[in-house]
Amino acid sequence: MVEIIDEFLEGHARSGSRPANEPFYFCASEIVVLPTAFVTDTLKGFLDGINQVSVHSIHHHFIEARLRLHRMSNDFSRWLEEEAGLQEAADAIERINFYTNTMEGVRRQIAGIVSPAMNH
């Protein structure tokens, strides 16, 4: 990002001193993980949990897991692959684009992928 801004300023030097309409606040956050009542060892329980947990839980297991555990996957895909043996569902969930979705959208897509897998 710094390179992009530096490159832009090389061609548009006056933009660097232009005041903004509103301030931009950099901030940091602390992750606080609290246990929930949702624990499962079945696909039905997984689907029920996905449909009931907060979007914060979806974010924690779908996005933060990649950063927290330094891996390229999410907790949902990993569980579906390793515990439920559903490689295709795990791969499909892995392909959900969280940059173009809300967490509710991610929830709906995960449920839409897991629901048909329960019938196989």
PDB file of N, CA and C in Angstrom:
ATOM      1  N   MET A   1       0.826  -1.175   0.000  1.00  0.00           N
ATOM      2  CA  MET A   1       0.000   0.000   0.000  1.00  0.00           C
ATOM      3  C   MET A   1       0.878   1.248   0.000  1.00  0.00           C
ATOM      4  N   VAL A   2       1.944   1.213   0.767  1.00  0.00           N
ATOM      5  CA  VAL A   2       2.857   2.352   0.820  1.00  0.00           C
ATOM      6  C   VAL A   2       3.461   2.610  -0.555  1.00  0.00           C
ATOM      7  N   GLU A   3       3.835   1.542  -1.252  1.00  0.00           N
ATOM      8  CA  GLU A   3       4.403   1.695  -2.591  1.00  0.00           C
ATOM      9  C   GLU A   3       3.415   2.346  -3.541  1.00  0.00           C
ATOM     10  N   ILE A   4       2.163   1.951  -3.459  1.00  0.00           N
ATOM     11  CA  ILE A   4       1.132   2.516  -4.338  1.00  0.00           C
ATOM     12  C   ILE A   4       0.972   4.006  -4.065  1.00  0.00           C
ATOM     13  N   ILE A   5       0.910   4.370  -2.796  1.00  0.00           N
ATOM     14  CA  ILE A   5       0.757   5.783  -2.443  1.00  0.00           C
ATOM     15  C   ILE A   5       1.991   6.580  -2.858  1.00  0.00           C
ATOM     16  N   ASP A   6       3.190   6.035  -2.595  1.00  0.00           N
ATOM     17  CA  ASP A   6       4.426   6.716  -3.006  1.00  0.00           C
ATOM     18  C   ASP A   6       4.458   6.930  -4.512  1.00  0.00           C
ATOM     19  N   GLU A   7       4.073   5.912  -5.250  1.00  0.00           N
ATOM     20  CA  GLU A   7       4.066   6.012  -6.712  1.00  0.00           C
ATOM     21  C   GLU A   7       3.077   7.084  -7.180  1.00  0.00           C
ATOM     22  N   PHE A   8       1.899   7.111  -6.562  1.00  0.00           N
ATOM     23  CA  PHE A   8       0.909   8.118  -6.904  1.00  0.00           C
ATOM     24  C   PHE A   8       1.434   9.519  -6.616  1.00  0.00           C
ATOM     25  N   LEU A   9       2.072   9.702  -5.457  1.00  0.00           N
ATOM     26  CA  LEU A   9       2.573  11.026  -5.064  1.00  0.00           C
ATOM     27  C   LEU A   9       3.709  11.500  -5.967  1.00  0.00           C
ATOM     28  N   GLU A  10       4.453  10.568  -6.553  1.00  0.00           N
ATOM     29  CA  GLU A  10       5.511  10.976  -7.498  1.00  0.00           C
ATOM     30  C   GLU A  10       4.918  11.709  -8.692  1.00  0.00           C
ATOM     31  N   GLY A  11       3.775  11.268  -9.152  1.00  0.00           N
ATOM     32  CA  GLY A  11       3.128  11.905 -10.293  1.00  0.00           C
ATOM     33  C   GLY A  11       2.154  12.997  -9.923  1.00  0.00           C
ATOM     34  N   HIS A  12       1.799  13.089  -8.648  1.00  0.00           N
ATOM     35  CA  HIS A  12       0.806  14.064  -8.187  1.00  0.00           C
ATOM     36  C   HIS A  12       1.260  14.665  -6.862  1.00  0.00           C
ATOM     37  N   ALA A  13       2.377  15.342  -6.879  1.00  0.00           N
ATOM     38  CA  ALA A  13       3.012  15.842  -5.650  1.00  0.00           C
ATOM     39  C   ALA A  13       2.097  16.740  -4.827  1.00  0.00           C
ATOM     40  N   ARG A  14       1.271  17.531  -5.462  1.00  0.00           N
ATOM     41  CA  ARG A  14       0.406  18.457  -4.725  1.00  0.00           C
ATOM     42  C   ARG A  14      -0.654  17.726  -3.904  1.00  0.00           C
ATOM     43  N   SER A  15      -0.985  16.520  -4.294  1.00  0.00           N
ATOM     44  CA  SER A  15      -1.993  15.744  -3.555  1.00  0.00           C
ATOM     45  C   SER A  15      -1.525  15.404  -2.147  1.00  0.00           C
ATOM     46  N   GLY A  16      -0.219  15.320  -1.950  1.00  0.00           N
ATOM     47  CA  GLY A  16       0.322  14.946  -0.648  1.00  0.00           C
ATOM     48  C   GLY A  16       0.021  15.931   0.457  1.00  0.00           C
ATOM     49  N   SER A  17      -0.216  17.189   0.102  1.00  0.00           N
ATOM     50  CA  SER A  17      -0.485  18.194   1.139  1.00  0.00           C
ATOM     51  C   SER A  17      -1.951  18.629   1.148  1.00  0.00           C
ATOM     52  N   ARG A  18      -2.773  17.980   0.339  1.00  0.00           N
ATOM     53  CA  ARG A  18      -4.187  18.335   0.269  1.00  0.00           C
ATOM     54  C   ARG A  18      -4.907  17.841   1.525  1.00  0.00           C
ATOM     55  N   PRO A  19      -5.647  18.719   2.199  1.00  0.00           N
ATOM     56  CA  PRO A  19      -6.369  18.282   3.406  1.00  0.00           C
ATOM     57  C   PRO A  19      -7.554  17.393   3.029  1.00  0.00           C
ATOM     58  N   ALA A  20      -7.860  16.454   3.888  1.00  0.00           N
ATOM     59  CA  ALA A  20      -8.998  15.556   3.679  1.00  0.00           C
ATOM     60  C   ALA A  20     -10.270  16.188   4.225  1.00  0.00           C
ATOM     61  N   ASN A  21     -11.394  15.704   3.776  1.00  0.00           N
ATOM     62  CA  ASN A  21     -12.678  16.185   4.289  1.00  0.00           C
ATOM     63  C   ASN A  21     -12.928  15.674   5.700  1.00  0.00           C
ATOM     64  N   GLU A  22     -12.481  14.448   5.971  1.00  0.00           N
ATOM     65  CA  GLU A  22     -12.651  13.845   7.293  1.00  0.00           C
ATOM     66  C   GLU A  22     -11.349  13.173   7.686  1.00  0.00           C
ATOM     67  N   PRO A  23     -11.044  13.131   8.980  1.00  0.00           N
ATOM     68  CA  PRO A  23      -9.809  12.458   9.410  1.00  0.00           C
ATOM     69  C   PRO A  23      -9.924  10.943   9.262  1.00  0.00           C
ATOM     70  N   PHE A  24      -8.801  10.298   9.071  1.00  0.00           N
ATOM     71  CA  PHE A  24      -8.744   8.834   9.053  1.00  0.00           C
ATOM     72  C   PHE A  24      -8.080   8.398  10.348  1.00  0.00           C
ATOM     73  N   TYR A  25      -8.762   7.563  11.119  1.00  0.00           N
ATOM     74  CA  TYR A  25      -8.241   7.114  12.401  1.00  0.00           C
ATOM     75  C   TYR A  25      -7.695   5.696  12.271  1.00  0.00           C
ATOM     76  N   PHE A  26      -6.414   5.530  12.512  1.00  0.00           N
ATOM     77  CA  PHE A  26      -5.841   4.198  12.572  1.00  0.00           C
ATOM     78  C   PHE A  26      -6.187   3.630  13.934  1.00  0.00           C
ATOM     79  N   CYS A  27      -6.508   2.378  13.972  1.00  0.00           N
ATOM     80  CA  CYS A  27      -6.845   1.783  15.257  1.00  0.00           C
ATOM     81  C   CYS A  27      -6.376   0.338  15.301  1.00  0.00           C
ATOM     82  N   ALA A  28      -6.374  -0.198  16.459  1.00  0.00           N
ATOM     83  CA  ALA A  28      -6.017  -1.602  16.668  1.00  0.00           C
ATOM     84  C   ALA A  28      -7.146  -2.239  17.459  1.00  0.00           C
ATOM     85  N   SER A  29      -7.194  -3.540  17.434  1.00  0.00           N
ATOM     86  CA  SER A  29      -8.221  -4.229  18.210  1.00  0.00           C
ATOM     87  C   SER A  29      -7.604  -5.395  18.959  1.00  0.00           C
ATOM     88  N   GLU A  30      -8.273  -5.757  19.995  1.00  0.00           N
ATOM     89  CA  GLU A  30      -7.898  -6.924  20.777  1.00  0.00           C
ATOM     90  C   GLU A  30      -8.982  -7.964  20.573  1.00  0.00           C
ATOM     91  N   ILE A  31      -8.569  -9.189  20.330  1.00  0.00           N
ATOM     92  CA  ILE A  31      -9.525 -10.273  20.162  1.00  0.00           C
ATOM     93  C   ILE A  31      -9.809 -10.875  21.537  1.00  0.00           C
ATOM     94  N   VAL A  32     -11.072 -10.943  21.853  1.00  0.00           N
ATOM     95  CA  VAL A  32     -11.500 -11.572  23.096  1.00  0.00           C
ATOM     96  C   VAL A  32     -12.375 -12.756  22.700  1.00  0.00           C
ATOM     97  N   VAL A  33     -11.935 -13.945  23.028  1.00  0.00           N
ATOM     98  CA  VAL A  33     -12.671 -15.157  22.675  1.00  0.00           C
ATOM     99  C   VAL A  33     -13.414 -15.657  23.895  1.00  0.00           C
ATOM    100  N   LEU A  34     -14.708 -15.832  23.727  1.00  0.00           N
ATOM    101  CA  LEU A  34     -15.555 -16.333  24.801  1.00  0.00           C
ATOM    102  C   LEU A  34     -16.183 -17.647  24.357  1.00  0.00           C
ATOM    103  N   PRO A  35     -16.268 -18.612  25.237  1.00  0.00           N
ATOM    104  CA  PRO A  35     -16.900 -19.879  24.851  1.00  0.00           C
ATOM    105  C   PRO A  35     -18.393 -19.678  24.612  1.00  0.00           C
ATOM    106  N   THR A  36     -18.941 -20.476  23.719  1.00  0.00           N
ATOM    107  CA  THR A  36     -20.380 -20.453  23.468  1.00  0.00           C
ATOM    108  C   THR A  36     -20.946 -21.817  23.832  1.00  0.00           C
ATOM    109  N   ALA A  37     -22.224 -21.936  23.746  1.00  0.00           N
ATOM    110  CA  ALA A  37     -22.889 -23.214  24.015  1.00  0.00           C
ATOM    111  C   ALA A  37     -22.859 -24.117  22.789  1.00  0.00           C
ATOM    112  N   PHE A  38     -22.293 -23.649  21.694  1.00  0.00           N
ATOM    113  CA  PHE A  38     -22.325 -24.393  20.443  1.00  0.00           C
ATOM    114  C   PHE A  38     -21.072 -25.235  20.273  1.00  0.00           C
ATOM    115  N   VAL A  39     -21.244 -26.532  20.420  1.00  0.00           N
ATOM    116  CA  VAL A  39     -20.188 -27.510  20.205  1.00  0.00           C
ATOM    117  C   VAL A  39     -20.847 -28.652  19.462  1.00  0.00           C
ATOM    118  N   THR A  40     -20.137 -29.232  18.494  1.00  0.00           N
ATOM    119  CA  THR A  40     -20.778 -30.302  17.741  1.00  0.00           C
ATOM    120  C   THR A  40     -19.800 -31.386  17.338  1.00  0.00           C
ATOM    121  N   ASP A  41     -20.360 -32.548  17.076  1.00  0.00           N
ATOM    122  CA  ASP A  41     -19.597 -33.634  16.479  1.00  0.00           C
ATOM    123  C   ASP A  41     -20.419 -34.308  15.377  1.00  0.00           C
ATOM    124  N   THR A  42     -21.460 -33.579  14.909  1.00  0.00           N
ATOM    125  CA  THR A  42     -22.289 -34.077  13.807  1.00  0.00           C
ATOM    126  C   THR A  42     -22.490 -32.963  12.786  1.00  0.00           C
ATOM    127  N   LEU A  43     -22.802 -33.342  11.556  1.00  0.00           N
ATOM    128  CA  LEU A  43     -23.088 -32.336  10.522  1.00  0.00           C
ATOM    129  C   LEU A  43     -24.335 -31.528  10.869  1.00  0.00           C
ATOM    130  N   LYS A  44     -25.357 -32.194  11.409  1.00  0.00           N
ATOM    131  CA  LYS A  44     -26.570 -31.464  11.790  1.00  0.00           C
ATOM    132  C   LYS A  44     -26.238 -30.427  12.859  1.00  0.00           C
ATOM    133  N   GLY A  45     -25.448 -30.808  13.839  1.00  0.00           N
ATOM    134  CA  GLY A  45     -25.041 -29.863  14.878  1.00  0.00           C
ATOM    135  C   GLY A  45     -24.206 -28.731  14.315  1.00  0.00           C
ATOM    136  N   PHE A  46     -23.355 -29.048  13.332  1.00  0.00           N
ATOM    137  CA  PHE A  46     -22.547 -28.020  12.674  1.00  0.00           C
ATOM    138  C   PHE A  46     -23.451 -27.014  11.973  1.00  0.00           C
ATOM    139  N   LEU A  47     -24.421 -27.520  11.212  1.00  0.00           N
ATOM    140  CA  LEU A  47     -25.336 -26.649  10.484  1.00  0.00           C
ATOM    141  C   LEU A  47     -26.185 -25.821  11.453  1.00  0.00           C
ATOM    142  N   ASP A  48     -26.672 -26.448  12.519  1.00  0.00           N
ATOM    143  CA  ASP A  48     -27.438 -25.708  13.531  1.00  0.00           C
ATOM    144  C   ASP A  48     -26.576 -24.601  14.138  1.00  0.00           C
ATOM    145  N   GLY A  49     -25.318 -24.925  14.445  1.00  0.00           N
ATOM    146  CA  GLY A  49     -24.408 -23.935  15.027  1.00  0.00           C
ATOM    147  C   GLY A  49     -24.142 -22.783  14.076  1.00  0.00           C
ATOM    148  N   ILE A  50     -23.872 -23.099  12.812  1.00  0.00           N
ATOM    149  CA  ILE A  50     -23.618 -22.048  11.808  1.00  0.00           C
ATOM    150  C   ILE A  50     -24.800 -21.095  11.741  1.00  0.00           C
ATOM    151  N   ASN A  51     -25.989 -21.640  11.822  1.00  0.00           N
ATOM    152  CA  ASN A  51     -27.188 -20.809  11.705  1.00  0.00           C
ATOM    153  C   ASN A  51     -27.513 -20.010  12.962  1.00  0.00           C
ATOM    154  N   GLN A  52     -26.871 -20.352  14.098  1.00  0.00           N
ATOM    155  CA  GLN A  52     -27.228 -19.693  15.350  1.00  0.00           C
ATOM    156  C   GLN A  52     -26.124 -18.824  15.962  1.00  0.00           C
ATOM    157  N   VAL A  53     -24.874 -19.111  15.676  1.00  0.00           N
ATOM    158  CA  VAL A  53     -23.807 -18.331  16.313  1.00  0.00           C
ATOM    159  C   VAL A  53     -23.801 -16.899  15.803  1.00  0.00           C
ATOM    160  N   SER A  54     -23.144 -16.040  16.538  1.00  0.00           N
ATOM    161  CA  SER A  54     -23.050 -14.640  16.116  1.00  0.00           C
ATOM    162  C   SER A  54     -22.119 -14.517  14.913  1.00  0.00           C
ATOM    163  N   VAL A  55     -22.246 -13.404  14.212  1.00  0.00           N
ATOM    164  CA  VAL A  55     -21.345 -13.165  13.087  1.00  0.00           C
ATOM    165  C   VAL A  55     -19.898 -13.038  13.569  1.00  0.00           C
ATOM    166  N   HIS A  56     -19.729 -12.704  14.843  1.00  0.00           N
ATOM    167  CA  HIS A  56     -18.385 -12.611  15.406  1.00  0.00           C
ATOM    168  C   HIS A  56     -17.732 -13.995  15.454  1.00  0.00           C
ATOM    169  N   SER A  57     -18.526 -15.016  15.748  1.00  0.00           N
ATOM    170  CA  SER A  57     -18.004 -16.381  15.729  1.00  0.00           C
ATOM    171  C   SER A  57     -17.658 -16.807  14.306  1.00  0.00           C
ATOM    172  N   ILE A  58     -18.497 -16.434  13.363  1.00  0.00           N
ATOM    173  CA  ILE A  58     -18.206 -16.742  11.954  1.00  0.00           C
ATOM    174  C   ILE A  58     -16.877 -16.090  11.575  1.00  0.00           C
ATOM    175  N   HIS A  59     -16.714 -14.821  11.913  1.00  0.00           N
ATOM    176  CA  HIS A  59     -15.484 -14.092  11.604  1.00  0.00           C
ATOM    177  C   HIS A  59     -14.273 -14.766  12.249  1.00  0.00           C
ATOM    178  N   HIS A  60     -14.414 -15.143  13.513  1.00  0.00           N
ATOM    179  CA  HIS A  60     -13.312 -15.768  14.250  1.00  0.00           C
ATOM    180  C   HIS A  60     -12.857 -17.065  13.573  1.00  0.00           C
ATOM    181  N   HIS A  61     -13.800 -17.910  13.209  1.00  0.00           N
ATOM    182  CA  HIS A  61     -13.450 -19.221  12.655  1.00  0.00           C
ATOM    183  C   HIS A  61     -13.185 -19.187  11.151  1.00  0.00           C
ATOM    184  N   PHE A  62     -13.721 -18.194  10.466  1.00  0.00           N
ATOM    185  CA  PHE A  62     -13.559 -18.147   9.012  1.00  0.00           C
ATOM    186  C   PHE A  62     -12.404 -17.256   8.570  1.00  0.00           C
ATOM    187  N   ILE A  63     -12.195 -16.146   9.248  1.00  0.00           N
ATOM    188  CA  ILE A  63     -11.156 -15.203   8.833  1.00  0.00           C
ATOM    189  C   ILE A  63      -9.984 -15.190   9.802  1.00  0.00           C
ATOM    190  N   GLU A  64     -10.261 -14.982  11.078  1.00  0.00           N
ATOM    191  CA  GLU A  64      -9.170 -14.861  12.043  1.00  0.00           C
ATOM    192  C   GLU A  64      -8.359 -16.142  12.197  1.00  0.00           C
ATOM    193  N   ALA A  65      -8.968 -17.291  11.937  1.00  0.00           N
ATOM    194  CA  ALA A  65      -8.245 -18.564  12.061  1.00  0.00           C
ATOM    195  C   ALA A  65      -7.014 -18.578  11.171  1.00  0.00           C
ATOM    196  N   ARG A  66      -7.113 -17.985  10.008  1.00  0.00           N
ATOM    197  CA  ARG A  66      -5.977 -17.951   9.078  1.00  0.00           C
ATOM    198  C   ARG A  66      -4.800 -17.188   9.677  1.00  0.00           C
ATOM    199  N   LEU A  67      -5.101 -16.093  10.340  1.00  0.00           N
ATOM    200  CA  LEU A  67      -4.053 -15.274  10.954  1.00  0.00           C
ATOM    201  C   LEU A  67      -3.567 -15.882  12.261  1.00  0.00           C
ATOM    202  N   ARG A  68      -4.506 -16.314  13.062  1.00  0.00           N
ATOM    203  CA  ARG A  68      -4.205 -16.850  14.388  1.00  0.00           C
ATOM    204  C   ARG A  68      -3.339 -18.101  14.297  1.00  0.00           C
ATOM    205  N   LEU A  69      -3.645 -18.963  13.338  1.00  0.00           N
ATOM    206  CA  LEU A  69      -2.954 -20.242  13.232  1.00  0.00           C
ATOM    207  C   LEU A  69      -1.935 -20.279  12.097  1.00  0.00           C
ATOM    208  N   HIS A  70      -1.770 -19.148  11.416  1.00  0.00           N
ATOM    209  CA  HIS A  70      -0.788 -19.032  10.326  1.00  0.00           C
ATOM    210  C   HIS A  70      -0.968 -20.141   9.291  1.00  0.00           C
ATOM    211  N   ARG A  71      -2.187 -20.259   8.802  1.00  0.00           N
ATOM    212  CA  ARG A  71      -2.449 -21.258   7.767  1.00  0.00           C
ATOM    213  C   ARG A  71      -3.321 -20.657   6.681  1.00  0.00           C
ATOM    214  N   MET A  72      -3.465 -21.372   5.609  1.00  0.00           N
ATOM    215  CA  MET A  72      -4.196 -20.873   4.456  1.00  0.00           C
ATOM    216  C   MET A  72      -5.664 -21.319   4.449  1.00  0.00           C
ATOM    217  N   SER A  73      -6.139 -21.884   5.540  1.00  0.00           N
ATOM    218  CA  SER A  73      -7.493 -22.403   5.576  1.00  0.00           C
ATOM    219  C   SER A  73      -8.246 -21.820   6.767  1.00  0.00           C
ATOM    220  N   ASN A  74      -9.515 -22.154   6.854  1.00  0.00           N
ATOM    221  CA  ASN A  74     -10.347 -21.699   7.959  1.00  0.00           C
ATOM    222  C   ASN A  74     -10.756 -22.890   8.816  1.00  0.00           C
ATOM    223  N   ASP A  75     -11.233 -22.609  10.010  1.00  0.00           N
ATOM    224  CA  ASP A  75     -11.616 -23.681  10.943  1.00  0.00           C
ATOM    225  C   ASP A  75     -12.748 -24.544  10.398  1.00  0.00           C
ATOM    226  N   PHE A  76     -13.709 -23.949   9.700  1.00  0.00           N
ATOM    227  CA  PHE A  76     -14.850 -24.708   9.190  1.00  0.00           C
ATOM    228  C   PHE A  76     -14.415 -25.727   8.151  1.00  0.00           C
ATOM    229  N   SER A  77     -13.623 -25.289   7.176  1.00  0.00           N
ATOM    230  CA  SER A  77     -13.153 -26.202   6.138  1.00  0.00           C
ATOM    231  C   SER A  77     -12.298 -27.310   6.736  1.00  0.00           C
ATOM    232  N   ARG A  78     -11.479 -26.930   7.657  1.00  0.00           N
ATOM    233  CA  ARG A  78     -10.594 -27.921   8.277  1.00  0.00           C
ATOM    234  C   ARG A  78     -11.398 -28.987   9.014  1.00  0.00           C
ATOM    235  N   TRP A  79     -12.409 -28.578   9.770  1.00  0.00           N
ATOM    236  CA  TRP A  79     -13.228 -29.541  10.497  1.00  0.00           C
ATOM    237  C   TRP A  79     -13.989 -30.443   9.531  1.00  0.00           C
ATOM    238  N   LEU A  80     -14.594 -29.840   8.503  1.00  0.00           N
ATOM    239  CA  LEU A  80     -15.355 -30.634   7.538  1.00  0.00           C
ATOM    240  C   LEU A  80     -14.470 -31.655   6.831  1.00  0.00           C
ATOM    241  N   GLU A  81     -13.252 -31.279   6.530  1.00  0.00           N
ATOM    242  CA  GLU A  81     -12.323 -32.198   5.861  1.00  0.00           C
ATOM    243  C   GLU A  81     -11.831 -33.283   6.821  1.00  0.00           C
ATOM    244  N   GLU A  82     -11.319 -32.874   7.969  1.00  0.00           N
ATOM    245  CA  GLU A  82     -10.650 -33.807   8.872  1.00  0.00           C
ATOM    246  C   GLU A  82     -11.609 -34.639   9.723  1.00  0.00           C
ATOM    247  N   GLU A  83     -12.695 -34.055  10.158  1.00  0.00           N
ATOM    248  CA  GLU A  83     -13.596 -34.762  11.070  1.00  0.00           C
ATOM    249  C   GLU A  83     -14.800 -35.379  10.373  1.00  0.00           C
ATOM    250  N   ALA A  84     -15.300 -34.717   9.334  1.00  0.00           N
ATOM    251  CA  ALA A  84     -16.502 -35.216   8.665  1.00  0.00           C
ATOM    252  C   ALA A  84     -16.192 -35.880   7.327  1.00  0.00           C
ATOM    253  N   GLY A  85     -14.948 -35.773   6.867  1.00  0.00           N
ATOM    254  CA  GLY A  85     -14.567 -36.398   5.601  1.00  0.00           C
ATOM    255  C   GLY A  85     -15.218 -35.776   4.380  1.00  0.00           C
ATOM    256  N   LEU A  86     -15.542 -34.508   4.442  1.00  0.00           N
ATOM    257  CA  LEU A  86     -16.226 -33.822   3.337  1.00  0.00           C
ATOM    258  C   LEU A  86     -15.275 -32.868   2.624  1.00  0.00           C
ATOM    259  N   GLN A  87     -14.385 -33.426   1.841  1.00  0.00           N
ATOM    260  CA  GLN A  87     -13.380 -32.630   1.144  1.00  0.00           C
ATOM    261  C   GLN A  87     -14.000 -31.611   0.193  1.00  0.00           C
ATOM    262  N   GLU A  88     -15.008 -32.031  -0.580  1.00  0.00           N
ATOM    263  CA  GLU A  88     -15.621 -31.104  -1.547  1.00  0.00           C
ATOM    264  C   GLU A  88     -16.279 -29.924  -0.849  1.00  0.00           C
ATOM    265  N   ALA A  89     -16.997 -30.187   0.235  1.00  0.00           N
ATOM    266  CA  ALA A  89     -17.636 -29.102   0.989  1.00  0.00           C
ATOM    267  C   ALA A  89     -16.572 -28.188   1.588  1.00  0.00           C
ATOM    268  N   ALA A  90     -15.515 -28.789   2.125  1.00  0.00           N
ATOM    269  CA  ALA A  90     -14.425 -27.998   2.701  1.00  0.00           C
ATOM    270  C   ALA A  90     -13.803 -27.095   1.643  1.00  0.00           C
ATOM    271  N   ASP A  91     -13.565 -27.637   0.461  1.00  0.00           N
ATOM    272  CA  ASP A  91     -12.979 -26.851  -0.632  1.00  0.00           C
ATOM    273  C   ASP A  91     -13.920 -25.732  -1.068  1.00  0.00           C
ATOM    274  N   ALA A  92     -15.211 -26.033  -1.134  1.00  0.00           N
ATOM    275  CA  ALA A  92     -16.190 -25.019  -1.555  1.00  0.00           C
ATOM    276  C   ALA A  92     -16.243 -23.873  -0.541  1.00  0.00           C
ATOM    277  N   ILE A  93     -16.196 -24.198   0.738  1.00  0.00           N
ATOM    278  CA  ILE A  93     -16.200 -23.153   1.770  1.00  0.00           C
ATOM    279  C   ILE A  93     -14.919 -22.339   1.677  1.00  0.00           C
ATOM    280  N   GLU A  94     -13.824 -22.994   1.373  1.00  0.00           N
ATOM    281  CA  GLU A  94     -12.543 -22.294   1.238  1.00  0.00           C
ATOM    282  C   GLU A  94     -12.593 -21.253   0.117  1.00  0.00           C
ATOM    283  N   ARG A  95     -13.405 -21.493  -0.888  1.00  0.00           N
ATOM    284  CA  ARG A  95     -13.492 -20.570  -2.032  1.00  0.00           C
ATOM    285  C   ARG A  95     -14.427 -19.385  -1.789  1.00  0.00           C
ATOM    286  N   ILE A  96     -15.130 -19.351  -0.669  1.00  0.00           N
ATOM    287  CA  ILE A  96     -16.022 -18.213  -0.381  1.00  0.00           C
ATOM    288  C   ILE A  96     -15.163 -16.958  -0.250  1.00  0.00           C
ATOM    289  N   ASN A  97     -15.538 -15.936  -0.979  1.00  0.00           N
ATOM    290  CA  ASN A  97     -14.778 -14.687  -0.981  1.00  0.00           C
ATOM    291  C   ASN A  97     -15.315 -13.774   0.119  1.00  0.00           C
ATOM    292  N   PHE A  98     -14.546 -13.629   1.186  1.00  0.00           N
ATOM    293  CA  PHE A  98     -15.007 -12.798   2.300  1.00  0.00           C
ATOM    294  C   PHE A  98     -14.773 -11.318   2.041  1.00  0.00           C
ATOM    295  N   TYR A  99     -14.061 -10.980   0.972  1.00  0.00           N
ATOM    296  CA  TYR A  99     -13.884  -9.565   0.637  1.00  0.00           C
ATOM    297  C   TYR A  99     -15.134  -8.986  -0.013  1.00  0.00           C
ATOM    298  N   THR A 100     -15.920  -9.824  -0.653  1.00  0.00           N
ATOM    299  CA  THR A 100     -17.111  -9.338  -1.344  1.00  0.00           C
ATOM    300  C   THR A 100     -18.396  -9.787  -0.655  1.00  0.00           C
ATOM    301  N   ASN A 101     -18.285 -10.266   0.570  1.00  0.00           N
ATOM    302  CA  ASN A 101     -19.428 -10.762   1.325  1.00  0.00           C
ATOM    303  C   ASN A 101     -19.507 -10.102   2.685  1.00  0.00           C
ATOM    304  N   THR A 102     -20.689 -10.073   3.230  1.00  0.00           N
ATOM    305  CA  THR A 102     -20.844  -9.764   4.643  1.00  0.00           C
ATOM    306  C   THR A 102     -20.668 -11.078   5.403  1.00  0.00           C
ATOM    307  N   MET A 103     -20.534 -11.022   6.708  1.00  0.00           N
ATOM    308  CA  MET A 103     -20.446 -12.258   7.490  1.00  0.00           C
ATOM    309  C   MET A 103     -21.762 -13.027   7.421  1.00  0.00           C
ATOM    310  N   GLU A 104     -22.889 -12.321   7.286  1.00  0.00           N
ATOM    311  CA  GLU A 104     -24.177 -13.012   7.088  1.00  0.00           C
ATOM    312  C   GLU A 104     -24.178 -13.745   5.753  1.00  0.00           C
ATOM    313  N   GLY A 105     -23.592 -13.119   4.736  1.00  0.00           N
ATOM    314  CA  GLY A 105     -23.477 -13.775   3.440  1.00  0.00           C
ATOM    315  C   GLY A 105     -22.600 -15.011   3.513  1.00  0.00           C
ATOM    316  N   VAL A 106     -21.504 -14.917   4.268  1.00  0.00           N
ATOM    317  CA  VAL A 106     -20.624 -16.069   4.465  1.00  0.00           C
ATOM    318  C   VAL A 106     -21.387 -17.176   5.180  1.00  0.00           C
ATOM    319  N   ARG A 107     -22.140 -16.814   6.218  1.00  0.00           N
ATOM    320  CA  ARG A 107     -22.951 -17.790   6.956  1.00  0.00           C
ATOM    321  C   ARG A 107     -23.893 -18.524   6.003  1.00  0.00           C
ATOM    322  N   ARG A 108     -24.629 -17.764   5.177  1.00  0.00           N
ATOM    323  CA  ARG A 108     -25.594 -18.366   4.247  1.00  0.00           C
ATOM    324  C   ARG A 108     -24.904 -19.289   3.255  1.00  0.00           C
ATOM    325  N   GLN A 109     -23.747 -18.881   2.762  1.00  0.00           N
ATOM    326  CA  GLN A 109     -23.037 -19.724   1.803  1.00  0.00           C
ATOM    327  C   GLN A 109     -22.536 -21.009   2.456  1.00  0.00           C
ATOM    328  N   ILE A 110     -22.008 -20.917   3.671  1.00  0.00           N
ATOM    329  CA  ILE A 110     -21.551 -22.118   4.374  1.00  0.00           C
ATOM    330  C   ILE A 110     -22.728 -23.062   4.590  1.00  0.00           C
ATOM    331  N   ALA A 111     -23.849 -22.535   5.065  1.00  0.00           N
ATOM    332  CA  ALA A 111     -25.038 -23.363   5.289  1.00  0.00           C
ATOM    333  C   ALA A 111     -25.515 -23.989   3.982  1.00  0.00           C
ATOM    334  N   GLY A 112     -25.463 -23.216   2.904  1.00  0.00           N
ATOM    335  CA  GLY A 112     -25.879 -23.733   1.597  1.00  0.00           C
ATOM    336  C   GLY A 112     -24.977 -24.829   1.061  1.00  0.00           C
ATOM    337  N   ILE A 113     -23.739 -24.826   1.479  1.00  0.00           N
ATOM    338  CA  ILE A 113     -22.794 -25.865   1.059  1.00  0.00           C
ATOM    339  C   ILE A 113     -22.953 -27.115   1.937  1.00  0.00           C
ATOM    340  N   VAL A 114     -23.119 -26.916   3.232  1.00  0.00           N
ATOM    341  CA  VAL A 114     -23.168 -28.049   4.169  1.00  0.00           C
ATOM    342  C   VAL A 114     -24.514 -28.769   4.105  1.00  0.00           C
ATOM    343  N   SER A 115     -25.601 -28.035   3.922  1.00  0.00           N
ATOM    344  CA  SER A 115     -26.935 -28.634   3.931  1.00  0.00           C
ATOM    345  C   SER A 115     -27.068 -29.792   2.933  1.00  0.00           C
ATOM    346  N   PRO A 116     -26.715 -29.630   1.665  1.00  0.00           N
ATOM    347  CA  PRO A 116     -26.809 -30.757   0.736  1.00  0.00           C
ATOM    348  C   PRO A 116     -25.859 -31.915   1.084  1.00  0.00           C
ATOM    349  N   ALA A 117     -24.731 -31.598   1.695  1.00  0.00           N
ATOM    350  CA  ALA A 117     -23.756 -32.646   2.057  1.00  0.00           C
ATOM    351  C   ALA A 117     -24.324 -33.577   3.125  1.00  0.00           C
ATOM    352  N   MET A 118     -25.290 -33.093   3.904  1.00  0.00           N
ATOM    353  CA  MET A 118     -25.889 -33.926   4.957  1.00  0.00           C
ATOM    354  C   MET A 118     -26.706 -35.054   4.350  1.00  0.00           C
ATOM    355  N   ASN A 119     -27.187 -34.865   3.148  1.00  0.00           N
ATOM    356  CA  ASN A 119     -28.053 -35.867   2.510  1.00  0.00           C
ATOM    357  C   ASN A 119     -27.290 -36.948   1.757  1.00  0.00           C
ATOM    358  N   HIS A 120     -25.976 -36.855   1.739  1.00  0.00           N
ATOM    359  CA  HIS A 120     -25.192 -37.860   1.004  1.00  0.00           C
ATOM    360  C   HIS A 120     -24.698 -38.944   1.903  1.00  0.00           C
TER     361      HIS A 120
END
